[in-house]
């Protein structure tokens, strides 16, 4: 072996040793509560989209995580250690999210990690965190690609997205033939969250006498939706299913439809209308009327812990951030509940395992135990999916955000159908 080869081998060994030392250091920092001095905080590392495409959701997630931390710290923290959140921005970038979690674990030596926003960022984040043996609890990475990766460290506390619109599809296809819409348009962002939802719904609706008159996937990086929305309006579908990830996308389609003097009888979007005040402020209460969206939580949920969380949020953030006065349960962003649920589940895992050892937490969460959250029951399957919750469809009816299906659910109210015309 020449000197260059020896040097390469030596550098390679040094690199491996250095990587191992970083991994050991990071793992030891999160091994158990015994490694934390009395009175020392337990630090949770989080990367969020505080700017970029997902910034509205990222900022709402920050509020949810902080609201949970305030709640748990008010009762003494986790195992007597106050919770400290180390939140850094990934600017909605899949590359930056990896860098952030590597830095949080190997440089800042956080004890635990919570996930970012969106399936697009959750997959690379979970893969990065997995290399350090850390658990990643999250609430917004429910796309199939996250679970198909075969990771054992990722746990989504929210219902998987694929069948989000199953209750809606059942309602639509079981309407009496005399009133059932006969045409539908499918238009979705090329996003790992939206496409599975729309694809499954399309399969469920097929064969029930509802003709597809438009079906298009548009680039996720699109910023001008006018031409696409105009093309949809030109086919005059009675139902529009929009695969959206945020409020601006839905708002742009609504504005384009209004300008084209087109109002569908049914308009459902995969995300956006669930964002409470952020949505109604963007489109107006009148235009929001009749808009539908799937989710697993809503502000008026009867779950006791949810009611307490909503009250705490209104007291803390009402009128200052997302919620304009008067702040009501209906105006609370569903992202708040998703993020809050992540903290709740982690707290239960820490208490059950008696420490902050990530390997123990991962094993516990894979044990089949049923946990609780403001969104409802949480029970993870082998892939880290939570199949214990119920998929709902919600609708804006005036200033109220109400559950409309499953229609058999005792909390459901009749669907406002057809959707009222635009108000301006």
Protein backbone atom coordinates (compact mmCIF):
# COMPACT_ATOMS: atom_id res chain seq x y z
CA UNK A 1 0.00 0.00 0.00
CA UNK A 2 1.49 3.40 -0.97
CA UNK A 3 1.61 6.36 1.38
CA UNK A 4 -1.39 7.93 -0.30
CA UNK A 5 -3.39 4.76 0.30
CA UNK A 6 -2.25 4.59 3.93
CA UNK A 7 -3.21 8.21 4.42
CA UNK A 8 -6.62 7.63 2.83
CA UNK A 9 -7.20 4.61 5.07
CA UNK A 10 -6.09 6.51 8.16
CA UNK A 11 -8.36 9.42 7.32
CA UNK A 12 -11.20 7.01 6.63
CA UNK A 13 -10.74 5.31 10.00
CA UNK A 14 -10.54 8.67 11.70
CA UNK A 15 -13.72 9.73 9.97
CA UNK A 16 -15.53 6.59 11.08
CA UNK A 17 -14.27 6.98 14.63
CA UNK A 18 -15.27 10.63 14.68
CA UNK A 19 -18.73 9.79 13.36
CA UNK A 20 -19.08 7.06 15.97
CA UNK A 21 -18.02 9.42 18.74
CA UNK A 22 -20.57 11.99 17.59
CA UNK A 23 -23.26 9.31 17.50
CA UNK A 24 -22.31 8.05 20.98
CA UNK A 25 -22.23 11.57 22.35
CA UNK A 26 -25.60 12.36 20.90
CA UNK A 27 -27.10 9.09 22.10
CA UNK A 28 -25.66 9.40 25.60
CA UNK A 29 -27.15 12.85 25.87
CA UNK A 30 -30.55 11.29 25.36
CA UNK A 31 -30.10 7.98 27.09
CA UNK A 32 -32.02 8.48 30.31
CA UNK A 33 -33.14 10.97 32.89
CA UNK A 34 -30.09 10.00 34.96
CA UNK A 35 -27.88 11.88 32.49
CA UNK A 36 -29.69 15.11 33.31
CA UNK A 37 -28.60 16.95 36.39
CA UNK A 38 -31.30 17.82 38.88
CA UNK A 39 -33.04 20.93 37.68
CA UNK A 40 -31.56 20.71 34.18
CA UNK A 41 -34.06 21.06 31.32
CA UNK A 42 -34.86 18.33 28.82
CA UNK A 43 -34.23 19.77 25.37
CA UNK A 44 -36.38 18.86 22.38
CA UNK A 45 -35.00 19.64 18.93
CA UNK A 46 -37.44 20.71 16.22
CA UNK A 47 -37.05 21.94 12.65
CA UNK A 48 -40.01 23.92 11.33
CA UNK A 49 -40.88 25.83 8.16
CA UNK A 50 -40.88 29.33 9.62
CA UNK A 51 -40.38 30.72 6.10
CA UNK A 52 -40.97 29.42 2.58
CA UNK A 53 -43.90 27.48 1.13
CA UNK A 54 -45.05 25.88 4.40
CA UNK A 55 -44.46 28.89 6.64
CA UNK A 56 -48.09 29.41 7.68
CA UNK A 57 -48.33 25.81 8.85
CA UNK A 58 -44.84 25.85 10.33
CA UNK A 59 -45.63 28.89 12.44
CA UNK A 60 -48.89 27.30 13.60
CA UNK A 61 -46.97 24.15 14.54
CA UNK A 62 -44.58 26.28 16.57
CA UNK A 63 -47.55 27.66 18.46
CA UNK A 64 -48.85 24.15 19.12
CA UNK A 65 -45.52 22.84 20.35
CA UNK A 66 -45.01 25.89 22.57
CA UNK A 67 -48.54 25.63 23.95
CA UNK A 68 -47.86 22.00 24.94
CA UNK A 69 -44.51 22.93 26.52
CA UNK A 70 -46.19 25.66 28.57
CA UNK A 71 -48.80 23.18 29.73
CA UNK A 72 -46.38 20.45 30.75
CA UNK A 73 -43.99 22.91 32.42
CA UNK A 74 -46.86 24.32 34.47
CA UNK A 75 -47.18 20.88 36.07
CA UNK A 76 -43.46 20.30 36.72
CA UNK A 77 -42.16 19.27 33.29
CA UNK A 78 -41.15 15.76 32.23
CA UNK A 79 -39.96 13.64 35.16
CA UNK A 80 -39.18 16.83 37.02
CA UNK A 81 -37.24 18.42 34.14
CA UNK A 82 -38.62 21.56 32.53
CA UNK A 83 -39.08 21.26 28.77
CA UNK A 84 -36.94 23.48 26.56
CA UNK A 85 -37.77 23.64 22.84
CA UNK A 86 -34.91 24.29 20.44
CA UNK A 87 -36.76 25.31 17.27
CA UNK A 88 -34.84 26.17 14.09
CA UNK A 89 -36.17 27.12 10.66
CA UNK A 90 -35.72 24.90 7.62
CA UNK A 91 -37.22 27.44 5.20
CA UNK A 92 -39.44 24.61 3.84
CA UNK A 93 -36.35 22.93 2.34
CA UNK A 94 -35.85 19.12 2.39
CA UNK A 95 -32.09 19.71 2.34
CA UNK A 96 -32.07 22.20 5.19
CA UNK A 97 -34.30 20.02 7.37
CA UNK A 98 -31.65 17.26 7.29
CA UNK A 99 -28.90 19.72 8.19
CA UNK A 100 -31.00 21.09 11.05
CA UNK A 101 -31.61 17.71 12.70
CA UNK A 102 -27.99 16.64 12.28
CA UNK A 103 -26.93 19.85 14.03
CA UNK A 104 -29.58 19.55 16.75
CA UNK A 105 -28.45 16.03 17.64
CA UNK A 106 -24.70 15.94 16.99
CA UNK A 107 -23.79 19.52 17.91
CA UNK A 108 -26.48 20.79 20.28
CA UNK A 109 -27.05 17.33 21.85
CA UNK A 110 -30.81 17.63 22.25
CA UNK A 111 -32.49 14.86 24.22
CA UNK A 112 -35.54 14.26 22.03
CA UNK A 113 -36.86 15.32 18.62
CA UNK A 114 -40.25 16.34 17.27
CA UNK A 115 -41.02 16.35 13.56
CA UNK A 116 -41.30 19.14 10.99
CA UNK A 117 -44.34 20.04 8.88
CA UNK A 118 -45.32 18.12 5.72
CA UNK A 119 -44.65 14.68 4.32
CA UNK A 120 -42.10 16.25 1.97
CA UNK A 121 -39.87 17.24 4.90
CA UNK A 122 -40.76 14.48 7.36
CA UNK A 123 -39.25 11.66 5.31
CA UNK A 124 -35.71 13.11 4.98
CA UNK A 125 -35.91 14.37 8.57
CA UNK A 126 -36.86 10.95 9.94
CA UNK A 127 -34.11 9.28 7.92
CA UNK A 128 -31.53 11.71 9.31
CA UNK A 129 -32.76 11.27 12.89
CA UNK A 130 -32.86 7.49 12.49
CA UNK A 131 -29.08 7.43 11.88
CA UNK A 132 -28.65 8.63 15.46
CA UNK A 133 -31.13 6.17 16.91
CA UNK A 134 -33.60 8.90 17.85
CA UNK A 135 -37.37 8.58 17.87
CA UNK A 136 -39.21 11.13 15.75
CA UNK A 137 -42.76 11.88 16.82
CA UNK A 138 -44.65 14.03 14.32
CA UNK A 139 -48.14 15.02 13.31
CA UNK A 140 -47.92 16.23 9.72
CA UNK A 141 -46.03 13.53 7.85
CA UNK A 142 -48.89 11.17 7.04
CA UNK A 143 -48.14 10.50 3.38
CA UNK A 144 -47.47 6.88 2.31
CA UNK A 145 -43.87 7.65 1.34
CA UNK A 146 -42.95 8.21 5.00
CA UNK A 147 -44.13 4.76 6.04
CA UNK A 148 -43.01 2.93 2.91
CA UNK A 149 -39.42 3.84 3.79
CA UNK A 150 -39.41 1.08 6.42
CA UNK A 151 -38.17 3.27 9.26
CA UNK A 152 -38.83 2.08 12.81
CA UNK A 153 -38.26 5.42 14.53
CA UNK A 154 -41.01 7.58 13.02
CA UNK A 155 -44.46 7.85 14.63
CA UNK A 156 -47.28 9.97 13.22
CA UNK A 157 -49.84 10.84 15.91
CA UNK A 158 -52.35 11.93 13.25
CA UNK A 159 -54.49 9.62 11.12
CA UNK A 160 -52.71 8.65 7.83
CA UNK A 161 -53.81 10.85 4.95
CA UNK A 162 -54.67 8.25 2.30
CA UNK A 163 -58.27 7.73 3.42
CA UNK A 164 -58.92 11.29 4.62
CA UNK A 165 -61.67 11.72 2.04
CA UNK A 166 -63.26 8.28 2.43
CA UNK A 167 -66.22 9.64 4.47
CA UNK A 168 -66.70 12.44 1.94
CA UNK A 169 -66.61 9.96 -0.95
CA UNK A 170 -69.22 7.77 0.75
CA UNK A 171 -71.50 10.76 1.37
CA UNK A 172 -71.17 11.92 -2.24
CA UNK A 173 -71.77 8.53 -3.84
CA UNK A 174 -74.76 7.66 -1.64
CA UNK A 175 -76.73 10.84 -2.32
CA UNK A 176 -80.08 10.11 -3.95
CA UNK A 177 -79.74 9.80 -7.73
CA UNK A 178 -82.06 12.78 -8.17
CA UNK A 179 -79.67 15.13 -6.34
CA UNK A 180 -76.30 13.42 -6.75
CA UNK A 181 -73.80 15.47 -8.80
CA UNK A 182 -73.00 13.97 -12.18
CA UNK A 183 -69.59 15.55 -12.94
CA UNK A 184 -66.39 16.04 -10.99
CA UNK A 185 -62.98 17.64 -11.50
CA UNK A 186 -59.82 16.39 -9.79
CA UNK A 187 -56.92 18.84 -9.61
CA UNK A 188 -53.98 18.35 -7.26
CA UNK A 189 -50.52 19.58 -6.44
CA UNK A 190 -47.71 17.15 -7.20
CA UNK A 191 -47.14 16.58 -3.50
CA UNK A 192 -46.69 13.35 -1.47
CA UNK A 193 -49.47 14.50 0.86
CA UNK A 194 -52.15 15.54 -1.61
CA UNK A 195 -51.88 12.94 -4.36
CA UNK A 196 -52.58 9.84 -2.21
CA UNK A 197 -55.69 11.51 -0.77
CA UNK A 198 -57.09 12.44 -4.18
CA UNK A 199 -56.10 9.12 -5.78
CA UNK A 200 -57.93 7.06 -3.16
CA UNK A 201 -61.00 9.29 -3.27
CA UNK A 202 -61.08 9.01 -7.06
CA UNK A 203 -61.12 5.21 -6.83
CA UNK A 204 -63.91 5.30 -4.24
CA UNK A 205 -66.04 7.64 -6.36
CA UNK A 206 -65.49 5.80 -9.67
CA UNK A 207 -68.40 3.69 -10.88
CA UNK A 208 -71.13 5.70 -9.13
CA UNK A 209 -72.38 7.68 -12.09
CA UNK A 210 -70.16 10.72 -11.48
CA UNK A 211 -68.20 11.50 -14.65
CA UNK A 212 -64.66 12.85 -14.45
CA UNK A 213 -64.51 15.95 -16.67
CA UNK A 214 -61.08 17.19 -15.56
CA UNK A 215 -58.08 15.45 -14.01
CA UNK A 216 -54.75 17.21 -13.69
CA UNK A 217 -51.65 17.23 -11.46
CA UNK A 218 -49.89 20.59 -11.34
CA UNK A 219 -46.28 21.27 -10.20
CA UNK A 220 -45.84 21.68 -6.45
CA UNK A 221 -43.74 24.78 -7.07
CA UNK A 222 -46.53 26.53 -9.01
CA UNK A 223 -47.34 30.04 -7.80
CA UNK A 224 -49.93 31.20 -10.36
CA UNK A 225 -53.02 29.01 -10.40
CA UNK A 226 -55.23 31.18 -12.59
CA UNK A 227 -54.79 29.25 -15.84
CA UNK A 228 -55.35 25.90 -14.09
CA UNK A 229 -58.42 27.16 -12.24
CA UNK A 230 -59.83 28.67 -15.43
CA UNK A 231 -59.40 25.31 -17.18
CA UNK A 232 -61.32 23.61 -14.37
CA UNK A 233 -64.09 26.23 -14.50
CA UNK A 234 -64.41 25.81 -18.24
CA UNK A 235 -65.53 22.19 -17.77
CA UNK A 236 -68.24 23.35 -15.32
CA UNK A 237 -67.90 20.39 -12.92
CA UNK A 238 -70.53 20.10 -10.22
CA UNK A 239 -67.87 18.86 -7.78
CA UNK A 240 -64.30 20.13 -7.45
CA UNK A 241 -61.74 18.14 -5.45
CA UNK A 242 -58.58 20.18 -4.91
CA UNK A 243 -55.36 18.60 -3.66
CA UNK A 244 -53.93 21.56 -1.76
CA UNK A 245 -51.35 21.94 0.99
CA UNK A 246 -52.07 25.49 2.17
CA UNK A 247 -54.47 28.43 2.34
CA UNK A 248 -52.95 30.45 -0.56
CA UNK A 249 -53.57 27.62 -3.03
CA UNK A 250 -57.24 27.25 -2.09
CA UNK A 251 -57.73 31.01 -1.98
CA UNK A 252 -56.26 31.39 -5.49
CA UNK A 253 -58.63 28.78 -6.94
CA UNK A 254 -61.61 30.34 -5.18
CA UNK A 255 -60.75 33.79 -6.54
CA UNK A 256 -60.30 32.45 -10.06
CA UNK A 257 -63.62 30.59 -9.90
CA UNK A 258 -65.35 33.74 -8.68
CA UNK A 259 -63.89 35.79 -11.52
CA UNK A 260 -65.04 33.12 -13.97
CA UNK A 261 -68.56 33.28 -12.45
CA UNK A 262 -68.35 29.60 -11.59
CA UNK A 263 -69.53 28.09 -8.31
CA UNK A 264 -69.42 24.30 -7.97
CA UNK A 265 -72.14 22.57 -6.01
CA UNK A 266 -69.44 20.92 -3.90
CA UNK A 267 -65.90 22.19 -3.30
CA UNK A 268 -63.59 20.10 -1.12
CA UNK A 269 -59.88 20.76 -0.55
CA UNK A 270 -57.37 18.48 1.16
CA UNK A 271 -55.97 21.34 3.26
CA UNK A 272 -56.56 25.05 3.74
CA UNK A 273 -60.13 25.36 5.00
CA UNK A 274 -59.01 23.62 8.20
CA UNK A 275 -56.73 26.53 9.07
CA UNK A 276 -59.35 28.45 11.03
CA UNK A 277 -58.95 32.22 11.09
CA UNK A 278 -56.05 32.04 8.64
CA UNK A 279 -58.46 30.69 6.04
CA UNK A 280 -61.49 32.88 6.68
CA UNK A 281 -59.31 36.00 6.81
CA UNK A 282 -57.88 35.15 3.40
CA UNK A 283 -61.14 34.34 1.61
CA UNK A 284 -63.85 36.00 3.70
CA UNK A 285 -66.54 34.31 5.79
CA UNK A 286 -69.07 34.59 2.99
CA UNK A 287 -66.89 32.81 0.42
CA UNK A 288 -65.81 30.20 2.97
CA UNK A 289 -69.45 29.20 3.36
CA UNK A 290 -69.87 25.63 2.12
CA UNK A 291 -66.15 24.87 1.71
CA UNK A 292 -65.25 21.33 2.85
CA UNK A 293 -62.03 19.74 4.11
CA UNK A 294 -61.00 16.44 5.75
CA UNK A 295 -59.29 16.30 9.13
CA UNK A 296 -59.19 14.33 12.37
CA UNK A 297 -59.75 17.29 14.72
CA UNK A 298 -61.83 20.42 15.00
CA UNK A 299 -62.00 23.27 17.48
CA UNK A 300 -65.31 22.22 19.00
CA UNK A 301 -64.20 18.65 19.64
CA UNK A 302 -65.88 17.25 22.76
CA UNK A 303 -62.64 15.62 24.00
CA UNK A 304 -61.95 17.16 27.42
CA UNK A 305 -58.23 17.67 26.84
CA UNK A 306 -59.01 19.33 23.51
CA UNK A 307 -61.39 21.76 25.15
CA UNK A 308 -58.70 22.62 27.71
CA UNK A 309 -56.11 23.12 24.97
CA UNK A 310 -58.43 25.39 22.97
CA UNK A 311 -59.15 27.48 26.06
CA UNK A 312 -55.43 27.77 26.82
CA UNK A 313 -54.68 28.76 23.23
CA UNK A 314 -57.37 31.44 23.15
CA UNK A 315 -56.08 32.82 26.45
CA UNK A 316 -52.47 32.88 25.27
CA UNK A 317 -52.58 33.63 21.55
CA UNK A 318 -56.08 34.84 20.81
CA UNK A 319 -55.97 38.16 19.00
CA UNK A 320 -52.17 38.28 18.76
CA UNK A 321 -51.13 35.79 16.06
CA UNK A 322 -53.44 33.61 13.99
CA UNK A 323 -56.66 34.32 15.81
CA UNK A 324 -58.30 37.71 15.28
CA UNK A 325 -60.75 38.98 17.87
CA UNK A 326 -63.09 37.51 18.76
CA UNK A 327 -61.15 34.26 18.93
CA UNK A 328 -63.42 31.22 18.98
CA UNK A 329 -62.94 27.46 18.93
CA UNK A 330 -63.79 27.38 15.21
CA UNK A 331 -60.96 29.78 14.42
CA UNK A 332 -58.25 27.61 16.00
CA UNK A 333 -55.92 26.11 13.41
CA UNK A 334 -55.94 22.29 13.29
CA UNK A 335 -52.13 22.39 13.12
CA UNK A 336 -52.17 23.51 16.75
CA UNK A 337 -53.85 20.27 17.80
CA UNK A 338 -51.54 18.10 15.68
CA UNK A 339 -48.41 19.61 17.20
CA UNK A 340 -49.87 19.54 20.71
CA UNK A 341 -50.68 15.84 20.28
CA UNK A 342 -47.03 15.10 19.48
CA UNK A 343 -46.03 16.50 22.86
CA UNK A 344 -48.79 14.63 24.67
CA UNK A 345 -47.73 11.26 23.25
CA UNK A 346 -44.05 11.88 23.97
CA UNK A 347 -44.89 12.80 27.57
CA UNK A 348 -46.76 9.51 28.03
CA UNK A 349 -43.85 7.54 26.53
CA UNK A 350 -41.29 9.29 28.76
CA UNK A 351 -43.37 8.62 31.85
CA UNK A 352 -43.93 4.96 30.93
CA UNK A 353 -40.25 4.28 30.20
CA UNK A 354 -38.99 6.32 33.14
CA UNK A 355 -36.50 8.35 31.14
CA UNK A 356 -35.36 9.84 27.87
CA UNK A 357 -33.75 6.80 26.30
CA UNK A 358 -34.79 6.90 22.66
CA UNK A 359 -34.42 3.16 22.14
CA UNK A 360 -36.78 2.54 25.06
CA UNK A 361 -39.25 5.11 23.72
CA UNK A 362 -39.23 3.53 20.25
CA UNK A 363 -39.79 0.06 21.74
CA UNK A 364 -42.63 1.33 23.93
CA UNK A 365 -44.42 3.10 21.07
CA UNK A 366 -44.22 -0.10 19.02
CA UNK A 367 -45.70 -2.17 21.87
CA UNK A 368 -49.31 -1.78 20.75
CA UNK A 369 -50.24 0.44 23.68
CA UNK A 370 -53.17 2.83 23.19
CA UNK A 371 -52.37 6.41 24.19
CA UNK A 372 -54.46 9.58 24.29
CA UNK A 373 -54.29 13.00 22.68
CA UNK A 374 -56.44 16.02 21.96
CA UNK A 375 -57.10 14.44 18.55
CA UNK A 376 -58.31 11.18 20.08
CA UNK A 377 -56.80 7.73 20.55
CA UNK A 378 -53.25 6.99 19.40
CA UNK A 379 -52.11 3.45 18.66
CA UNK A 380 -49.21 2.83 16.30
CA UNK A 381 -48.92 -0.09 13.92
CA UNK A 382 -45.58 -1.60 12.87
CA UNK A 383 -45.05 1.22 10.37
CA UNK A 384 -45.62 4.02 12.88
CA UNK A 385 -49.09 4.90 11.56
CA UNK A 386 -51.89 5.78 13.95
CA UNK A 387 -54.99 3.95 12.75
CA UNK A 388 -57.01 4.51 15.93
CA UNK A 389 -58.49 7.85 14.95
CA UNK A 390 -61.52 8.58 12.81
CA UNK A 391 -61.47 10.44 9.50
CA UNK A 392 -63.99 13.28 9.37
CA UNK A 393 -65.09 15.84 6.84
CA UNK A 394 -65.70 19.39 8.01
CA UNK A 395 -67.49 22.30 6.41
CA UNK A 396 -67.71 26.03 6.94
CA UNK A 397 -71.34 26.93 7.52
CA UNK A 398 -71.46 30.65 8.06
CA UNK A 399 -68.91 31.45 10.76
CA UNK A 400 -69.09 27.91 12.14
CA UNK A 401 -66.68 25.10 11.27
CA UNK A 402 -68.72 21.92 11.71
CA UNK A 403 -68.41 18.17 11.26
CA UNK A 404 -70.59 16.87 8.42
CA UNK A 405 -69.48 13.27 7.93
CA UNK A 406 -69.40 10.39 8.55
CA UNK A 407 -73.10 11.20 8.43
CA UNK A 408 -73.74 8.42 10.95
CA UNK A 409 -71.59 10.11 13.60
CA UNK A 410 -73.69 11.65 16.37
CA UNK A 411 -71.72 14.90 16.13
CA UNK A 412 -72.38 15.39 12.42
CA UNK A 413 -74.72 18.05 11.09
CA UNK A 414 -76.36 18.03 7.61
CA UNK A 415 -74.10 19.09 4.75
CA UNK A 416 -74.75 22.54 3.30
CA UNK A 417 -75.47 21.45 -0.27
CA UNK A 418 -75.17 22.94 -2.79
CA UNK A 419 -72.42 25.38 -1.87
CA UNK A 420 -73.70 28.99 -1.73
CA UNK A 421 -72.53 31.36 -4.48
CA UNK A 422 -69.51 33.61 -3.96
CA UNK A 423 -70.36 36.76 -2.03
CA UNK A 424 -68.22 39.32 -3.83
